[in-house]
Amino acid sequence: MKKVYLLYDSFFGNTEKIAHTIADALKTGLEVETSRVTETNLQLLNESDIVIVGAPTRVFSPSPEVKKFLKYIRRERIQGKPVAAFDTRIAESDIKSRFLRFMVKTFGYAARPIAKKLVKKGGVLITPPVGFIVKDTEGPLKKGELQRAANWGRKIILKLSDLA
């Protein structure tokens, strides 16, 4: 059975809920380990077949702990492995400030830079990066986002079976 290592960071619990929901969906066909990025187990990372990384969007990018992980992770740990990335974010349409909407359009959210860094480190992106919506900085998650997370996890299983 293929092994997934899902790493995440979370400030208010929203990204953690998404991570565990994705992990639960993946467990229908894969062996899954989940942990905060600050508690990364390098042995599990080495032994994993698939790596998924998620973070809350902070100042238009991944959280500092996820950035640190991505910067220092050695290439051979994920070289050639399927990878995926997700974030939690406030929807652009929910941002009242025109200036902040402009900034989001210019700098974006966390998932895309996570995916780019994973690919730069040698990972093979198996699905486009995705964002899950929170109502405000501290949440809660918008209605239906946990279901979207579960569906995304199931899509990853399908993508992996296409690679086999």
C-alpha atoms as a PDB file:
ATOM      1  CA  MET A   1       0.000   0.000   0.000  1.00  0.00           C
ATOM      2  CA  LYS A   2       1.321   3.457  -0.906  1.00  0.00           C
ATOM      3  CA  LYS A   3       2.286   5.754   1.966  1.00  0.00           C
ATOM      4  CA  VAL A   4       1.257   9.405   2.159  1.00  0.00           C
ATOM      5  CA  TYR A   5       2.894  11.935   4.439  1.00  0.00           C
ATOM      6  CA  LEU A   6       0.644  14.959   4.907  1.00  0.00           C
ATOM      7  CA  LEU A   7       2.326  17.929   6.578  1.00  0.00           C
ATOM      8  CA  TYR A   8       0.533  21.109   7.585  1.00  0.00           C
ATOM      9  CA  ASP A   9       0.739  24.223   9.699  1.00  0.00           C
ATOM     10  CA  SER A  10      -2.229  25.852  11.408  1.00  0.00           C
ATOM     11  CA  PHE A  11      -2.796  28.954  13.501  1.00  0.00           C
ATOM     12  CA  PHE A  12      -6.496  28.827  14.390  1.00  0.00           C
ATOM     13  CA  GLY A  13      -7.262  25.163  13.655  1.00  0.00           C
ATOM     14  CA  ASN A  14      -8.836  25.612  10.228  1.00  0.00           C
ATOM     15  CA  THR A  15      -5.915  24.238   8.193  1.00  0.00           C
ATOM     16  CA  GLU A  16      -5.579  21.396  10.698  1.00  0.00           C
ATOM     17  CA  LYS A  17      -9.252  20.449  10.173  1.00  0.00           C
ATOM     18  CA  ILE A  18      -8.735  20.485   6.412  1.00  0.00           C
ATOM     19  CA  ALA A  19      -5.556  18.374   6.725  1.00  0.00           C
ATOM     20  CA  HIS A  20      -7.273  15.722   8.832  1.00  0.00           C
ATOM     21  CA  THR A  21     -10.290  15.647   6.515  1.00  0.00           C
ATOM     22  CA  ILE A  22      -8.019  15.102   3.501  1.00  0.00           C
ATOM     23  CA  ALA A  23      -6.115  12.415   5.437  1.00  0.00           C
ATOM     24  CA  ASP A  24      -9.339  10.601   6.344  1.00  0.00           C
ATOM     25  CA  ALA A  25     -10.404  10.590   2.680  1.00  0.00           C
ATOM     26  CA  LEU A  26      -6.993   9.288   1.609  1.00  0.00           C
ATOM     27  CA  LYS A  27      -7.156   6.444   4.140  1.00  0.00           C
ATOM     28  CA  THR A  28      -9.748   4.698   1.965  1.00  0.00           C
ATOM     29  CA  GLY A  29      -6.934   3.581  -0.337  1.00  0.00           C
ATOM     30  CA  LEU A  30      -3.608   4.639   1.142  1.00  0.00           C
ATOM     31  CA  GLU A  31      -1.580   4.491   4.338  1.00  0.00           C
ATOM     32  CA  VAL A  32      -1.511   8.042   5.731  1.00  0.00           C
ATOM     33  CA  GLU A  33       0.613   9.813   8.345  1.00  0.00           C
ATOM     34  CA  THR A  34      -0.260  13.390   9.280  1.00  0.00           C
ATOM     35  CA  SER A  35       1.738  15.881  11.319  1.00  0.00           C
ATOM     36  CA  ARG A  36       2.429  19.535  11.854  1.00  0.00           C
ATOM     37  CA  VAL A  37       5.352  20.690   9.781  1.00  0.00           C
ATOM     38  CA  THR A  38       7.158  21.672  13.002  1.00  0.00           C
ATOM     39  CA  GLU A  39       7.052  17.995  14.013  1.00  0.00           C
ATOM     40  CA  THR A  40       8.257  16.574  10.697  1.00  0.00           C
ATOM     41  CA  ASN A  41       9.552  13.028  11.001  1.00  0.00           C
ATOM     42  CA  LEU A  42      12.303  12.785   8.387  1.00  0.00           C
ATOM     43  CA  GLN A  43      12.176   8.983   8.463  1.00  0.00           C
ATOM     44  CA  LEU A  44       8.474   9.083   7.527  1.00  0.00           C
ATOM     45  CA  LEU A  45       9.257  11.646   4.842  1.00  0.00           C
ATOM     46  CA  ASN A  46      11.943   9.369   3.415  1.00  0.00           C
ATOM     47  CA  GLU A  47       9.628   6.336   3.476  1.00  0.00           C
ATOM     48  CA  SER A  48       6.612   8.109   1.980  1.00  0.00           C
ATOM     49  CA  ASP A  49       5.512   7.603  -1.599  1.00  0.00           C
ATOM     50  CA  ILE A  50       3.439  10.815  -1.740  1.00  0.00           C
ATOM     51  CA  VAL A  51       3.939  14.158   0.042  1.00  0.00           C
ATOM     52  CA  ILE A  52       1.170  16.692   0.639  1.00  0.00           C
ATOM     53  CA  VAL A  53       1.820  20.075   2.274  1.00  0.00           C
ATOM     54  CA  GLY A  54      -0.741  22.594   3.480  1.00  0.00           C
ATOM     55  CA  ALA A  55      -0.604  25.978   5.189  1.00  0.00           C
ATOM     56  CA  PRO A  56      -2.734  28.917   6.111  1.00  0.00           C
ATOM     57  CA  THR A  57      -2.146  31.931   3.900  1.00  0.00           C
ATOM     58  CA  ARG A  58      -0.238  34.541   5.877  1.00  0.00           C
ATOM     59  CA  VAL A  59       0.733  37.827   4.234  1.00  0.00           C
ATOM     60  CA  PHE A  60      -0.024  36.363   0.771  1.00  0.00           C
ATOM     61  CA  SER A  61       2.249  33.345   1.247  1.00  0.00           C
ATOM     62  CA  PRO A  62       2.661  30.133   3.282  1.00  0.00           C
ATOM     63  CA  SER A  63       3.151  30.357   7.029  1.00  0.00           C
ATOM     64  CA  PRO A  64       6.748  30.952   8.195  1.00  0.00           C
ATOM     65  CA  GLU A  65       7.093  27.349   9.440  1.00  0.00           C
ATOM     66  CA  VAL A  66       6.050  25.907   6.069  1.00  0.00           C
ATOM     67  CA  LYS A  67       8.422  28.276   4.255  1.00  0.00           C
ATOM     68  CA  LYS A  68      11.234  27.139   6.549  1.00  0.00           C
ATOM     69  CA  PHE A  69      10.418  23.458   5.912  1.00  0.00           C
ATOM     70  CA  LEU A  70      10.338  23.994   2.149  1.00  0.00           C
ATOM     71  CA  LYS A  71      13.601  25.929   2.196  1.00  0.00           C
ATOM     72  CA  TYR A  72      15.588  23.369   4.149  1.00  0.00           C
ATOM     73  CA  ILE A  73      14.118  20.053   3.003  1.00  0.00           C
ATOM     74  CA  ARG A  74      16.746  18.172   1.039  1.00  0.00           C
ATOM     75  CA  ARG A  75      15.941  17.380  -2.575  1.00  0.00           C
ATOM     76  CA  GLU A  76      16.513  13.630  -2.230  1.00  0.00           C
ATOM     77  CA  ARG A  77      13.692  13.386   0.331  1.00  0.00           C
ATOM     78  CA  ILE A  78      11.004  14.141  -2.277  1.00  0.00           C
ATOM     79  CA  GLN A  79      12.823  13.615  -5.591  1.00  0.00           C
ATOM     80  CA  GLY A  80      10.426  11.969  -8.066  1.00  0.00           C
ATOM     81  CA  LYS A  81       7.589  11.616  -5.542  1.00  0.00           C
ATOM     82  CA  PRO A  82       4.039  12.737  -6.311  1.00  0.00           C
ATOM     83  CA  VAL A  83       3.296  15.961  -4.396  1.00  0.00           C
ATOM     84  CA  ALA A  84       0.265  18.161  -3.768  1.00  0.00           C
ATOM     85  CA  ALA A  85      -0.350  21.462  -1.980  1.00  0.00           C
ATOM     86  CA  PHE A  86      -3.277  23.221  -0.317  1.00  0.00           C
ATOM     87  CA  ASP A  87      -3.972  26.293   1.760  1.00  0.00           C
ATOM     88  CA  THR A  88      -6.683  28.009   3.731  1.00  0.00           C
ATOM     89  CA  ARG A  89      -7.608  31.526   2.705  1.00  0.00           C
ATOM     90  CA  ILE A  90     -10.217  34.242   2.709  1.00  0.00           C
ATOM     91  CA  ALA A  91     -12.003  34.327  -0.642  1.00  0.00           C
ATOM     92  CA  GLU A  92     -11.060  37.332  -2.726  1.00  0.00           C
ATOM     93  CA  SER A  93     -14.773  38.160  -3.069  1.00  0.00           C
ATOM     94  CA  ASP A  94     -15.044  38.388   0.750  1.00  0.00           C
ATOM     95  CA  ILE A  95     -12.242  40.943   1.071  1.00  0.00           C
ATOM     96  CA  LYS A  96     -13.799  44.360   1.558  1.00  0.00           C
ATOM     97  CA  SER A  97     -10.689  46.479   1.054  1.00  0.00           C
ATOM     98  CA  ARG A  98      -9.919  47.283  -2.596  1.00  0.00           C
ATOM     99  CA  PHE A  99      -6.242  47.550  -1.691  1.00  0.00           C
ATOM    100  CA  LEU A 100      -6.181  44.066  -0.120  1.00  0.00           C
ATOM    101  CA  ARG A 101      -8.053  42.599  -3.115  1.00  0.00           C
ATOM    102  CA  PHE A 102      -5.401  44.173  -5.362  1.00  0.00           C
ATOM    103  CA  MET A 103      -2.663  42.669  -3.175  1.00  0.00           C
ATOM    104  CA  VAL A 104      -4.268  39.208  -3.366  1.00  0.00           C
ATOM    105  CA  LYS A 105      -4.508  39.492  -7.153  1.00  0.00           C
ATOM    106  CA  THR A 106      -0.866  40.542  -7.283  1.00  0.00           C
ATOM    107  CA  PHE A 107       0.699  38.169  -4.736  1.00  0.00           C
ATOM    108  CA  GLY A 108      -1.860  35.367  -4.414  1.00  0.00           C
ATOM    109  CA  TYR A 109      -2.244  32.733  -1.725  1.00  0.00           C
ATOM    110  CA  ALA A 110      -0.064  30.036  -0.133  1.00  0.00           C
ATOM    111  CA  ALA A 111      -0.857  26.872  -2.139  1.00  0.00           C
ATOM    112  CA  ARG A 112       0.810  27.861  -5.417  1.00  0.00           C
ATOM    113  CA  PRO A 113       4.183  28.813  -3.861  1.00  0.00           C
ATOM    114  CA  ILE A 114       4.124  25.588  -1.828  1.00  0.00           C
ATOM    115  CA  ALA A 115       3.538  23.566  -5.005  1.00  0.00           C
ATOM    116  CA  LYS A 116       6.258  25.441  -6.900  1.00  0.00           C
ATOM    117  CA  LYS A 117       8.796  24.819  -4.148  1.00  0.00           C
ATOM    118  CA  LEU A 118       7.894  21.109  -3.921  1.00  0.00           C
ATOM    119  CA  VAL A 119       8.392  20.794  -7.681  1.00  0.00           C
ATOM    120  CA  LYS A 120      11.656  22.766  -7.525  1.00  0.00           C
ATOM    121  CA  LYS A 121      12.837  20.234  -4.920  1.00  0.00           C
ATOM    122  CA  GLY A 122      12.093  17.408  -7.372  1.00  0.00           C
ATOM    123  CA  GLY A 123       8.498  16.485  -6.566  1.00  0.00           C
ATOM    124  CA  VAL A 124       5.985  15.692  -9.312  1.00  0.00           C
ATOM    125  CA  LEU A 125       2.806  17.767  -8.964  1.00  0.00           C
ATOM    126  CA  ILE A 126      -0.184  15.434  -9.363  1.00  0.00           C
ATOM    127  CA  THR A 127      -3.006  17.950  -9.017  1.00  0.00           C
ATOM    128  CA  PRO A 128      -3.259  21.733  -9.118  1.00  0.00           C
ATOM    129  CA  PRO A 129      -2.835  23.506  -5.770  1.00  0.00           C
ATOM    130  CA  VAL A 130      -6.138  24.213  -4.045  1.00  0.00           C
ATOM    131  CA  GLY A 131      -7.428  26.686  -1.474  1.00  0.00           C
ATOM    132  CA  PHE A 132     -10.105  26.115   1.142  1.00  0.00           C
ATOM    133  CA  ILE A 133     -12.112  29.102   2.274  1.00  0.00           C
ATOM    134  CA  VAL A 134     -12.394  30.565   5.759  1.00  0.00           C
ATOM    135  CA  LYS A 135     -14.898  33.292   6.637  1.00  0.00           C
ATOM    136  CA  ASP A 136     -12.384  35.531   8.393  1.00  0.00           C
ATOM    137  CA  THR A 137      -8.749  35.529   9.507  1.00  0.00           C
ATOM    138  CA  GLU A 138      -9.498  33.170  12.396  1.00  0.00           C
ATOM    139  CA  GLY A 139     -12.232  31.254  10.593  1.00  0.00           C
ATOM    140  CA  PRO A 140     -14.412  29.376  10.792  1.00  0.00           C
ATOM    141  CA  LEU A 141     -14.303  27.400   7.568  1.00  0.00           C
ATOM    142  CA  LYS A 142     -17.081  28.231   5.142  1.00  0.00           C
ATOM    143  CA  LYS A 143     -19.889  25.717   4.853  1.00  0.00           C
ATOM    144  CA  GLY A 144     -18.998  22.857   2.527  1.00  0.00           C
ATOM    145  CA  GLU A 145     -15.214  23.278   2.721  1.00  0.00           C
ATOM    146  CA  LEU A 146     -14.654  20.064   4.685  1.00  0.00           C
ATOM    147  CA  GLN A 147     -16.621  18.192   2.019  1.00  0.00           C
ATOM    148  CA  ARG A 148     -14.495  19.856  -0.683  1.00  0.00           C
ATOM    149  CA  ALA A 149     -11.375  18.743   1.217  1.00  0.00           C
ATOM    150  CA  ALA A 150     -12.630  15.142   1.360  1.00  0.00           C
ATOM    151  CA  ASN A 151     -13.425  15.250  -2.353  1.00  0.00           C
ATOM    152  CA  TRP A 152      -9.956  16.614  -3.110  1.00  0.00           C
ATOM    153  CA  GLY A 153      -8.419  13.741  -1.151  1.00  0.00           C
ATOM    154  CA  ARG A 154     -10.455  11.230  -3.180  1.00  0.00           C
ATOM    155  CA  LYS A 155      -9.323  12.941  -6.412  1.00  0.00           C
ATOM    156  CA  ILE A 156      -5.715  12.448  -5.346  1.00  0.00           C
ATOM    157  CA  ILE A 157      -6.371   8.707  -4.995  1.00  0.00           C
ATOM    158  CA  LEU A 158      -7.760   8.680  -8.548  1.00  0.00           C
ATOM    159  CA  LYS A 159      -4.762  10.629  -9.875  1.00  0.00           C
ATOM    160  CA  LEU A 160      -2.405   8.136  -8.225  1.00  0.00           C
ATOM    161  CA  SER A 161      -4.240   5.191  -9.759  1.00  0.00           C
ATOM    162  CA  ASP A 162      -3.840   6.868 -13.176  1.00  0.00           C
ATOM    163  CA  LEU A 163      -0.071   7.009 -12.565  1.00  0.00           C
ATOM    164  CA  ALA A 164       0.146   3.327 -11.692  1.00  0.00           C
END
